[in-house]
Amino acid sequence: MAPVTTTPPSGAQRQHLTADTLRLLAPLVECSTERAGWHHCVEIARDLLDVEVVVAVEFVSGDRGEVRSGVGFDALTVGTVIPMPPGCQATYARETGLCVTGDLTSETRFVPSPFLIQADIRSSMTMAIELPDGEQAIIGAHSREPHRFAPSHVESFETLGSVFGFVIRRLRAWDELELNARIDPLTGLMNRASILDHLDQCFEDDEHPSALLIDIDGFKSVNDTLGHRSGDAVLRVIAQRIEAALSPRDRLGRLGGDEFLLITNDGESQRLAERLVGHVEAVIPIDSSTVQLSASVGIARRRPDDDALGMVERADRLMYKAKSAGRGEVRADLVKTEASSLTDSAPAGRSDR
């Protein structure tokens, strides 16, 4: 028997579902997160089959599985990685699609799980579920009563598996779409919308970040002389170099073209910008050639009357001031003192005074 597929129940299957079964399945069908999906699946299996123990495990390698959810079995908590060697119960179910046994103590087709034996489990029904991208999981429903499962239980279990596989496929597809909508496909950084949303969130959380707008000096010549493919490779290298120099709390996004936006709470944002310029200026090998570029950086610090858009626009103006002064320059907001108000800065030897 093949593993249960990820297609939703057919019209004929739905007609045979009782009102109670449909009611039990509703939380699974309506869940909005994968974690909730695993949790609902095992709880529904417990109630649908009236068993003591249900465990859901996803294969994470050829011979190991990770517990995603479970009820009635404290020995296997979520996140536990368990061995699944050839010949074991889980591997047998994975190969056959569905494994039903009335008494584990006399089972000869496979080696029963030691966890189940120790828990005095006698009846066991284990089903393989096909997940997206060729991944697999198993759902096991277990009872201490021998010969617990009738054909009607098997049918209900298969229906649950079909619904569960469909739900996980939908949730993972949605997660992938959501991720792609927030990630720059060229560099893997946050995209424009995502990094600006992060800055908005900083304002909502009453943080006082700095926005560093980074523009790569001389990048156009790379595209003109080496081609756009080489230009894309250069951007990826630069993105990796900048990201490697940041702290875990910093957030870096690509606004488009050769412009990047860094949001940081580092109080030494000017020194950080100068370090980043140094990283950008290191020679980049491309195919049989080398490229050496630089960066212009504008730094805007949050002001009392700021909003996210105004802060980015100010960083953009400062970046253009830096660019007009030559390659590898940094310009930042002046810090407010008793003798001065906040204005866009001049260079001041890359000092914030």
Protein backbone atom coordinates (compact mmCIF):
# COMPACT_ATOMS: atom_id res chain seq x y z
CA MET A 1 0.00 0.00 0.00
CA ALA A 2 1.36 3.41 -0.94
CA PRO A 3 1.64 6.20 1.61
CA VAL A 4 -1.43 8.39 1.98
CA THR A 5 -1.31 11.18 -0.59
CA THR A 6 -1.80 14.89 0.02
CA THR A 7 -4.97 15.21 -2.07
CA PRO A 8 -8.14 16.30 -0.26
CA PRO A 9 -10.94 13.78 0.31
CA SER A 10 -13.02 13.00 -2.76
CA GLY A 11 -16.73 13.69 -3.01
CA ALA A 12 -17.47 10.03 -2.31
CA GLN A 13 -15.27 10.09 0.79
CA ARG A 14 -16.98 13.23 2.06
CA GLN A 15 -20.42 11.65 1.62
CA HIS A 16 -19.40 8.77 3.89
CA LEU A 17 -18.10 11.03 6.63
CA THR A 18 -20.44 11.32 9.58
CA ALA A 19 -21.42 14.65 11.07
CA ASP A 20 -19.30 13.83 14.14
CA THR A 21 -16.25 13.12 11.98
CA LEU A 22 -16.68 16.37 10.06
CA ARG A 23 -16.98 18.22 13.36
CA LEU A 24 -13.78 16.61 14.63
CA LEU A 25 -11.92 17.47 11.41
CA ALA A 26 -12.98 21.14 11.39
CA PRO A 27 -10.14 22.47 13.62
CA LEU A 28 -7.57 20.73 11.41
CA VAL A 29 -9.04 22.06 8.18
CA GLU A 30 -9.29 25.60 9.58
CA CYS A 31 -5.89 25.82 11.31
CA SER A 32 -3.54 28.59 10.19
CA THR A 33 -0.13 27.26 11.31
CA GLU A 34 1.70 24.00 10.71
CA ARG A 35 2.34 23.53 14.41
CA ALA A 36 -1.39 23.73 15.05
CA GLY A 37 -1.98 21.26 12.21
CA TRP A 38 0.22 18.59 13.80
CA HIS A 39 -1.40 19.20 17.19
CA HIS A 40 -4.96 18.97 15.85
CA CYS A 41 -4.14 15.84 13.86
CA VAL A 42 -3.02 13.81 16.87
CA GLU A 43 -5.88 15.04 19.05
CA ILE A 44 -8.44 14.23 16.34
CA ALA A 45 -6.92 10.75 15.89
CA ARG A 46 -7.20 10.13 19.64
CA ASP A 47 -10.87 11.17 19.74
CA LEU A 48 -11.82 9.62 16.40
CA LEU A 49 -10.32 6.21 17.21
CA ASP A 50 -10.78 6.35 21.00
CA VAL A 51 -7.18 5.37 21.74
CA GLU A 52 -4.80 6.29 24.53
CA VAL A 53 -1.69 7.25 22.56
CA VAL A 54 -1.11 9.09 19.26
CA VAL A 55 2.30 10.25 18.02
CA ALA A 56 3.18 12.16 14.83
CA VAL A 57 6.77 11.94 13.57
CA GLU A 58 8.39 13.53 10.52
CA PHE A 59 11.37 11.83 8.92
CA VAL A 60 14.36 14.18 9.06
CA SER A 61 16.84 11.78 7.48
CA GLY A 62 16.85 8.24 6.19
CA ASP A 63 16.96 6.65 9.63
CA ARG A 64 15.79 9.34 12.04
CA GLY A 65 12.50 11.03 12.81
CA GLU A 66 11.53 14.08 14.84
CA VAL A 67 8.42 14.11 17.00
CA ARG A 68 6.08 16.88 15.82
CA SER A 69 3.21 16.24 18.23
CA GLY A 70 1.81 13.60 20.53
CA VAL A 71 -0.81 12.86 23.16
CA GLY A 72 -0.80 10.31 25.95
CA PHE A 73 2.91 9.54 25.74
CA ASP A 74 5.22 11.64 27.92
CA ALA A 75 8.32 9.71 26.85
CA LEU A 76 8.27 11.32 23.38
CA THR A 77 8.03 15.10 23.60
CA VAL A 78 7.90 17.52 20.69
CA GLY A 79 11.33 17.92 19.12
CA THR A 80 12.64 14.53 20.29
CA VAL A 81 14.71 12.86 17.56
CA ILE A 82 14.34 9.08 17.53
CA PRO A 83 16.16 6.40 15.51
CA MET A 84 14.19 4.62 12.77
CA PRO A 85 16.47 1.85 11.52
CA PRO A 86 15.54 -0.66 8.79
CA GLY A 87 13.13 -3.28 10.04
CA CYS A 88 11.53 -1.10 12.70
CA GLN A 89 7.81 -0.40 12.92
CA ALA A 90 8.03 3.14 11.56
CA THR A 91 10.14 2.10 8.57
CA TYR A 92 7.74 -0.76 7.80
CA ALA A 93 4.80 1.65 7.82
CA ARG A 94 6.76 4.05 5.64
CA GLU A 95 7.35 1.31 3.08
CA THR A 96 3.84 -0.18 3.10
CA GLY A 97 1.77 2.96 3.65
CA LEU A 98 -0.38 1.57 6.45
CA CYS A 99 0.44 -0.95 9.14
CA VAL A 100 -2.23 -2.38 11.45
CA THR A 101 -1.39 -4.89 14.15
CA GLY A 102 -3.67 -6.41 16.75
CA ASP A 103 -0.96 -7.47 19.17
CA LEU A 104 2.56 -6.05 19.15
CA THR A 105 3.79 -8.80 21.45
CA SER A 106 3.33 -11.39 18.70
CA GLU A 107 4.26 -9.21 15.70
CA THR A 108 6.76 -10.77 13.26
CA ARG A 109 6.67 -8.38 10.26
CA PHE A 110 8.79 -5.76 11.97
CA VAL A 111 10.50 -4.94 15.25
CA PRO A 112 7.93 -3.18 17.45
CA SER A 113 8.90 0.19 18.86
CA PRO A 114 10.53 -0.22 22.29
CA PHE A 115 8.73 2.94 23.41
CA LEU A 116 5.38 1.26 22.71
CA ILE A 117 6.36 -2.03 24.31
CA GLN A 118 7.47 -0.22 27.47
CA ALA A 119 4.12 1.60 27.54
CA ASP A 120 2.22 -1.74 27.36
CA ILE A 121 0.75 -0.92 23.94
CA ARG A 122 -0.87 -3.93 22.27
CA SER A 123 -2.80 -2.64 19.23
CA SER A 124 -1.08 -0.27 16.83
CA MET A 125 -2.05 1.45 13.59
CA THR A 126 0.66 3.46 11.83
CA MET A 127 0.18 5.39 8.60
CA ALA A 128 2.69 7.07 6.29
CA ILE A 129 1.84 10.58 5.07
CA GLU A 130 3.36 12.14 1.95
CA LEU A 131 4.41 15.73 2.64
CA PRO A 132 5.56 18.44 0.19
CA ASP A 133 8.97 18.18 -1.49
CA GLY A 134 9.12 14.41 -1.15
CA GLU A 135 9.16 14.47 2.65
CA GLN A 136 7.30 11.89 4.72
CA ALA A 137 5.75 11.59 8.14
CA ILE A 138 4.05 8.82 10.08
CA ILE A 139 1.04 9.08 12.36
CA GLY A 140 0.72 6.30 14.91
CA ALA A 141 -2.46 5.53 16.89
CA HIS A 142 -1.95 3.05 19.71
CA SER A 143 -4.08 1.25 22.29
CA ARG A 144 -3.38 -0.96 25.29
CA GLU A 145 -6.36 -3.08 24.27
CA PRO A 146 -5.49 -6.01 21.95
CA HIS A 147 -7.16 -6.18 18.54
CA ARG A 148 -8.62 -2.71 18.98
CA PHE A 149 -8.98 -1.65 15.34
CA ALA A 150 -11.88 -2.63 13.08
CA PRO A 151 -12.13 -1.85 9.33
CA SER A 152 -14.17 1.26 10.15
CA HIS A 153 -11.27 2.56 12.26
CA VAL A 154 -8.87 2.01 9.36
CA GLU A 155 -11.17 3.94 7.01
CA SER A 156 -11.47 6.85 9.44
CA PHE A 157 -7.72 6.89 9.99
CA GLU A 158 -7.03 7.01 6.24
CA THR A 159 -9.49 9.87 5.83
CA LEU A 160 -7.76 11.80 8.60
CA GLY A 161 -4.40 11.16 6.94
CA SER A 162 -5.69 12.44 3.61
CA VAL A 163 -7.04 15.63 5.20
CA PHE A 164 -3.90 16.14 7.29
CA GLY A 165 -1.58 15.77 4.28
CA PHE A 166 -3.66 18.26 2.32
CA VAL A 167 -3.60 20.78 5.18
CA ILE A 168 0.17 20.54 5.66
CA ARG A 169 0.72 20.94 1.93
CA ARG A 170 -1.45 24.05 1.91
CA LEU A 171 0.24 25.56 4.96
CA ARG A 172 3.76 24.95 3.65
CA ALA A 173 2.86 26.38 0.25
CA TRP A 174 1.44 29.46 1.96
CA ASP A 175 4.54 29.83 4.15
CA GLU A 176 6.74 29.64 1.05
CA LEU A 177 4.67 32.27 -0.75
CA GLU A 178 4.80 34.52 2.29
CA LEU A 179 8.55 34.08 2.59
CA ASN A 180 9.10 34.78 -1.10
CA ALA A 181 7.02 37.94 -0.76
CA ARG A 182 9.41 39.23 1.90
CA ILE A 183 12.79 38.09 0.59
CA ASP A 184 14.93 39.64 -2.15
CA PRO A 185 15.44 36.77 -4.61
CA LEU A 186 18.91 37.91 -5.71
CA THR A 187 20.61 38.31 -2.33
CA GLY A 188 18.37 36.44 0.08
CA LEU A 189 18.08 39.58 2.21
CA MET A 190 14.86 41.22 3.30
CA ASN A 191 13.25 43.02 0.36
CA ARG A 192 12.15 46.64 0.31
CA ALA A 193 8.69 46.04 1.79
CA SER A 194 10.05 43.76 4.50
CA ILE A 195 12.85 46.04 5.73
CA LEU A 196 10.51 49.06 5.78
CA ASP A 197 7.97 47.02 7.76
CA HIS A 198 10.74 46.21 10.22
CA LEU A 199 11.53 49.90 10.65
CA ASP A 200 7.83 50.62 11.21
CA GLN A 201 7.82 47.95 13.90
CA CYS A 202 10.82 49.60 15.58
CA PHE A 203 8.77 52.79 15.83
CA GLU A 204 5.76 50.91 17.22
CA ASP A 205 8.03 49.30 19.83
CA ASP A 206 9.37 52.75 20.77
CA GLU A 207 12.93 51.88 19.80
CA HIS A 208 15.45 54.47 18.63
CA PRO A 209 17.17 52.91 15.64
CA SER A 210 19.51 54.35 13.05
CA ALA A 211 18.83 53.85 9.36
CA LEU A 212 21.92 53.41 7.18
CA LEU A 213 21.30 53.77 3.47
CA ILE A 214 24.19 52.17 1.58
CA ASP A 215 24.79 52.81 -2.12
CA ILE A 216 27.55 50.97 -3.98
CA ASP A 217 29.99 53.34 -5.72
CA GLY A 218 30.95 52.41 -9.25
CA PHE A 219 28.55 49.50 -9.56
CA LYS A 220 27.15 50.64 -12.90
CA SER A 221 30.54 50.13 -14.52
CA VAL A 222 30.46 46.45 -13.50
CA ASN A 223 27.23 45.90 -15.38
CA ASP A 224 28.51 47.91 -18.35
CA THR A 225 31.85 46.14 -18.68
CA LEU A 226 31.25 42.62 -17.30
CA GLY A 227 27.51 42.20 -17.84
CA HIS A 228 24.49 41.89 -15.58
CA ARG A 229 25.26 38.31 -14.59
CA SER A 230 28.58 39.41 -13.11
CA GLY A 231 26.86 42.42 -11.57
CA ASP A 232 24.39 40.15 -9.80
CA ALA A 233 27.28 38.04 -8.49
CA VAL A 234 28.98 41.16 -7.14
CA LEU A 235 25.80 42.25 -5.36
CA ARG A 236 25.50 38.85 -3.71
CA VAL A 237 29.09 39.03 -2.45
CA ILE A 238 28.59 42.55 -1.11
CA ALA A 239 25.36 41.56 0.62
CA GLN A 240 27.12 38.61 2.28
CA ARG A 241 30.03 40.78 3.42
CA ILE A 242 27.78 43.42 4.94
CA GLU A 243 25.56 40.86 6.64
CA ALA A 244 28.56 39.02 8.09
CA ALA A 245 29.69 42.22 9.84
CA LEU A 246 26.37 42.83 11.62
CA SER A 247 25.07 41.85 15.04
CA PRO A 248 22.12 39.43 15.39
CA ARG A 249 19.76 42.33 16.16
CA ASP A 250 20.65 44.31 13.03
CA ARG A 251 18.45 43.97 9.96
CA LEU A 252 19.66 44.40 6.39
CA GLY A 253 17.50 44.70 3.30
CA ARG A 254 17.96 45.45 -0.36
CA LEU A 255 15.90 48.39 -1.53
CA GLY A 256 16.61 47.66 -5.19
CA GLY A 257 19.46 48.06 -7.65
CA ASP A 258 22.66 48.63 -5.68
CA GLU A 259 21.02 50.22 -2.63
CA PHE A 260 20.79 48.54 0.78
CA LEU A 261 19.10 49.66 3.98
CA LEU A 262 20.45 48.69 7.39
CA ILE A 263 18.41 49.18 10.56
CA THR A 264 20.49 49.07 13.72
CA ASN A 265 20.30 50.06 17.38
CA ASP A 266 24.08 50.23 17.55
CA GLY A 267 24.96 53.50 19.26
CA GLU A 268 28.17 53.63 17.20
CA SER A 269 26.39 53.67 13.85
CA GLN A 270 29.01 55.91 12.24
CA ARG A 271 31.85 53.54 13.11
CA LEU A 272 29.72 50.65 11.94
CA ALA A 273 29.18 52.39 8.60
CA GLU A 274 32.90 52.97 8.18
CA ARG A 275 33.60 49.28 8.87
CA LEU A 276 31.02 48.30 6.28
CA VAL A 277 32.64 50.57 3.70
CA GLY A 278 35.90 48.75 4.36
CA HIS A 279 34.25 45.38 3.78
CA VAL A 280 32.74 46.59 0.51
CA GLU A 281 36.11 47.93 -0.68
CA ALA A 282 37.83 44.55 -0.45
CA VAL A 283 38.64 43.07 -3.86
CA ILE A 284 35.94 40.80 -5.32
CA PRO A 285 37.07 38.04 -7.72
CA ILE A 286 34.58 37.52 -10.57
CA ASP A 287 35.31 34.75 -13.06
CA SER A 288 38.77 35.57 -14.49
CA SER A 289 38.62 39.20 -13.39
CA THR A 290 38.52 41.20 -10.16
CA VAL A 291 36.35 44.11 -9.07
CA GLN A 292 37.00 46.71 -6.42
CA LEU A 293 34.16 49.00 -5.45
CA SER A 294 33.27 51.22 -2.53
CA ALA A 295 30.13 52.51 -0.84
CA SER A 296 28.53 55.78 0.15
CA VAL A 297 26.49 55.71 3.36
CA GLY A 298 23.89 58.08 4.77
CA ILE A 299 22.93 57.67 8.43
CA ALA A 300 19.65 58.96 9.85
CA ARG A 301 18.98 58.67 13.57
CA ARG A 302 15.48 58.73 14.96
CA ARG A 303 14.16 62.15 15.91
CA PRO A 304 11.23 62.88 18.24
CA ASP A 305 8.91 63.81 15.35
CA ASP A 306 10.13 61.08 12.96
CA ASP A 307 8.27 58.43 11.08
CA ALA A 308 9.84 55.53 9.20
CA LEU A 309 9.46 57.02 5.73
CA GLY A 310 10.87 60.39 6.77
CA MET A 311 13.84 58.71 8.38
CA VAL A 312 14.66 56.73 5.22
CA GLU A 313 14.27 59.83 3.04
CA ARG A 314 16.70 61.70 5.29
CA ALA A 315 19.19 58.82 5.11
CA ASP A 316 18.83 58.95 1.32
CA ARG A 317 19.66 62.67 1.24
CA LEU A 318 22.67 62.08 3.46
CA MET A 319 23.84 59.25 1.23
CA TYR A 320 23.78 61.57 -1.78
CA LYS A 321 25.79 64.15 0.20
CA ALA A 322 28.34 61.44 0.93
CA LYS A 323 28.43 60.37 -2.73
CA SER A 324 28.98 63.94 -3.90
CA ALA A 325 32.05 64.14 -1.66
CA GLY A 326 33.72 61.12 -3.30
CA ARG A 327 33.93 57.36 -2.96
CA GLY A 328 33.69 55.63 0.41
CA GLU A 329 32.26 58.57 2.34
CA VAL A 330 29.80 58.55 5.25
CA ARG A 331 27.42 61.33 6.23
CA ALA A 332 25.21 61.27 9.32
CA ASP A 333 22.70 63.30 11.27
CA LEU A 334 24.30 65.65 13.75
CA VAL A 335 23.61 64.79 17.37
CA LYS A 336 21.52 67.40 19.12
CA THR A 337 23.41 69.41 21.72
CA GLU A 338 22.54 72.44 23.85
CA ALA A 339 24.10 74.68 21.21
CA SER A 340 22.64 73.09 18.10
CA SER A 341 19.50 71.58 16.69
CA LEU A 342 19.26 68.41 14.64
CA THR A 343 20.27 68.95 11.03
CA ASP A 344 21.69 66.87 8.23
CA SER A 345 25.41 66.60 8.75
CA ALA A 346 28.52 67.53 6.92
CA PRO A 347 31.40 65.05 7.09
CA ALA A 348 33.30 66.29 10.14
CA GLY A 349 35.95 63.65 9.58
CA ARG A 350 33.29 60.94 9.91
CA SER A 351 32.48 62.15 13.40
CA ASP A 352 29.00 62.64 14.82
CA ARG A 353 29.77 65.67 16.92
